[in-house]
Amino acid sequence: MRYPLRALLALASAWLLVGCSSGPQESSDLPQVEMMVDVAGLLREYTADNNKGPTKVADLAKYETLYSRGYQQVKGGSIVVVWGVPMPMTGGGTGVIAYEKKAEAEGGAVLFENGSSKMMTAAEFAAAPKAGKK
């Protein structure tokens, strides 16, 4: 019973993300930002089940069937995760917890500890606080 509720929450988050964006987005950016919803689901599921953040890709394998797109992107290396940082089901900080690998050099989609995501330029990404860093 736990998984359907979480899947529903992920779907609702995706709907809110798409339907309540703060402004127009280029259509090519939307899939990357939506992908972060899957990655958020992976990180939240692991945190809920283990009371800590994942430390490697293998930790997330159990959730591949629920969040296959996000899992494949993390496993393939196109999305980088800040390992060891828990991501709660609600709330959370504003540090970057996952991001497109290209975000460092070119800009890209970024996921925050609180579950929000957005596109950032390389300069914005460099200035953004990273999860788990003090």
Protein backbone atom coordinates (compact mmCIF):
# COMPACT_ATOMS: atom_id res chain seq x y z
CA MET A 1 0.00 0.00 0.00
CA ARG A 2 2.96 2.27 0.58
CA TYR A 3 4.18 2.35 -3.02
CA PRO A 4 0.93 3.42 -4.68
CA LEU A 5 0.72 6.43 -2.35
CA ARG A 6 4.31 7.42 -3.12
CA ALA A 7 3.79 6.93 -6.84
CA LEU A 8 0.69 9.12 -6.59
CA LEU A 9 2.71 11.78 -4.74
CA ALA A 10 5.38 11.65 -7.45
CA LEU A 11 2.73 12.03 -10.14
CA ALA A 12 1.14 14.94 -8.30
CA SER A 13 4.56 16.57 -7.94
CA ALA A 14 5.17 16.19 -11.66
CA TRP A 15 1.78 17.71 -12.44
CA LEU A 16 2.44 20.65 -10.13
CA LEU A 17 5.92 21.12 -11.56
CA VAL A 18 4.58 21.28 -15.10
CA GLY A 19 1.36 23.14 -14.34
CA CYS A 20 2.72 25.70 -11.91
CA SER A 21 6.02 26.72 -13.39
CA SER A 22 7.14 30.26 -12.67
CA GLY A 23 7.37 31.20 -16.31
CA PRO A 24 7.73 29.89 -19.82
CA GLN A 25 10.28 27.15 -20.35
CA GLU A 26 11.80 26.05 -23.56
CA SER A 27 10.12 22.82 -24.58
CA SER A 28 13.50 21.10 -24.82
CA ASP A 29 14.11 21.82 -21.11
CA LEU A 30 10.91 20.19 -19.90
CA PRO A 31 12.01 16.54 -20.20
CA GLN A 32 15.15 17.18 -18.15
CA VAL A 33 13.20 18.94 -15.40
CA GLU A 34 10.56 16.16 -15.42
CA MET A 35 13.36 13.60 -15.15
CA MET A 36 14.28 15.15 -11.82
CA VAL A 37 10.85 14.14 -10.51
CA ASP A 38 11.89 10.51 -11.07
CA VAL A 39 15.24 11.10 -9.39
CA ALA A 40 13.48 12.75 -6.44
CA GLY A 41 11.28 9.66 -6.15
CA LEU A 42 14.32 7.38 -6.09
CA LEU A 43 16.02 9.41 -3.39
CA ARG A 44 12.87 9.77 -1.29
CA GLU A 45 12.05 6.05 -1.46
CA TYR A 46 15.55 5.09 -0.37
CA THR A 47 15.56 7.66 2.45
CA ALA A 48 12.13 6.52 3.69
CA ASP A 49 13.17 2.86 3.72
CA ASN A 50 16.65 3.32 5.20
CA ASN A 51 16.56 6.54 7.25
CA LYS A 52 19.65 7.79 5.41
CA GLY A 53 20.67 8.91 1.94
CA PRO A 54 21.94 6.47 -0.70
CA THR A 55 25.71 6.19 -1.10
CA LYS A 56 25.91 4.57 -4.55
CA VAL A 57 23.81 3.69 -7.60
CA ALA A 58 23.35 0.10 -6.42
CA ASP A 59 21.40 1.43 -3.41
CA LEU A 60 18.72 2.69 -5.81
CA ALA A 61 18.34 -0.49 -7.88
CA LYS A 62 15.43 -1.70 -5.74
CA TYR A 63 13.35 1.27 -6.97
CA GLU A 64 14.17 0.97 -10.67
CA THR A 65 10.73 -0.37 -11.60
CA LEU A 66 9.00 2.65 -10.03
CA TYR A 67 11.37 5.28 -11.38
CA SER A 68 13.03 3.62 -14.37
CA ARG A 69 13.80 6.78 -16.34
CA GLY A 70 15.49 8.49 -13.42
CA TYR A 71 17.33 5.34 -12.39
CA GLN A 72 18.74 4.82 -15.88
CA GLN A 73 19.96 8.42 -16.04
CA VAL A 74 21.69 8.13 -12.66
CA LYS A 75 23.16 4.73 -13.52
CA GLY A 76 24.37 6.01 -16.90
CA GLY A 77 26.00 9.06 -15.32
CA SER A 78 24.04 11.79 -17.08
CA ILE A 79 22.48 12.75 -13.74
CA VAL A 80 24.85 13.19 -10.79
CA VAL A 81 23.65 12.56 -7.23
CA VAL A 82 25.18 14.09 -4.12
CA TRP A 83 25.60 10.75 -2.34
CA GLY A 84 24.90 10.24 1.35
CA VAL A 85 22.35 13.03 1.70
CA PRO A 86 18.83 11.99 2.78
CA MET A 87 15.82 13.38 0.93
CA PRO A 88 12.68 13.44 3.08
CA MET A 89 9.17 12.86 1.70
CA THR A 90 8.27 16.45 2.59
CA GLY A 91 10.32 19.48 3.43
CA GLY A 92 14.07 19.45 3.11
CA GLY A 93 16.74 22.01 2.46
CA THR A 94 17.49 24.09 -0.58
CA GLY A 95 20.85 22.55 -1.45
CA VAL A 96 21.39 20.84 -4.80
CA ILE A 97 21.01 17.07 -4.33
CA ALA A 98 21.12 15.96 -7.99
CA TYR A 99 21.86 17.58 -11.32
CA GLU A 100 22.50 16.96 -14.97
CA LYS A 101 26.19 16.30 -15.44
CA LYS A 102 26.36 19.04 -18.05
CA ALA A 103 25.06 21.61 -15.53
CA GLU A 104 28.58 22.31 -14.29
CA ALA A 105 29.82 23.44 -17.70
CA GLU A 106 26.75 24.27 -19.79
CA GLY A 107 23.87 24.59 -17.34
CA GLY A 108 21.05 22.10 -16.98
CA ALA A 109 18.32 20.66 -14.77
CA VAL A 110 18.92 20.70 -11.02
CA LEU A 111 17.05 18.97 -8.16
CA PHE A 112 16.96 20.48 -4.68
CA GLU A 113 16.62 18.68 -1.33
CA ASN A 114 13.07 20.01 -0.95
CA GLY A 115 12.03 18.25 -4.19
CA SER A 116 11.81 21.30 -6.43
CA SER A 117 13.74 21.38 -9.66
CA LYS A 118 14.60 23.93 -12.29
CA MET A 119 16.97 24.77 -15.10
CA MET A 120 20.11 26.68 -14.12
CA THR A 121 22.92 28.27 -16.06
CA ALA A 122 26.46 27.07 -15.31
CA ALA A 123 27.06 30.26 -13.29
CA GLU A 124 23.88 29.77 -11.25
CA PHE A 125 24.81 26.15 -10.63
CA ALA A 126 28.31 27.11 -9.44
CA ALA A 127 26.83 29.58 -6.96
CA ALA A 128 24.08 27.25 -5.68
CA PRO A 129 24.61 25.55 -2.31
CA LYS A 130 25.17 21.81 -2.56
CA ALA A 131 23.33 19.37 -0.29
CA GLY A 132 25.28 18.14 2.69
CA LYS A 133 27.85 20.96 2.53
CA LYS A 134 28.19 23.31 5.43
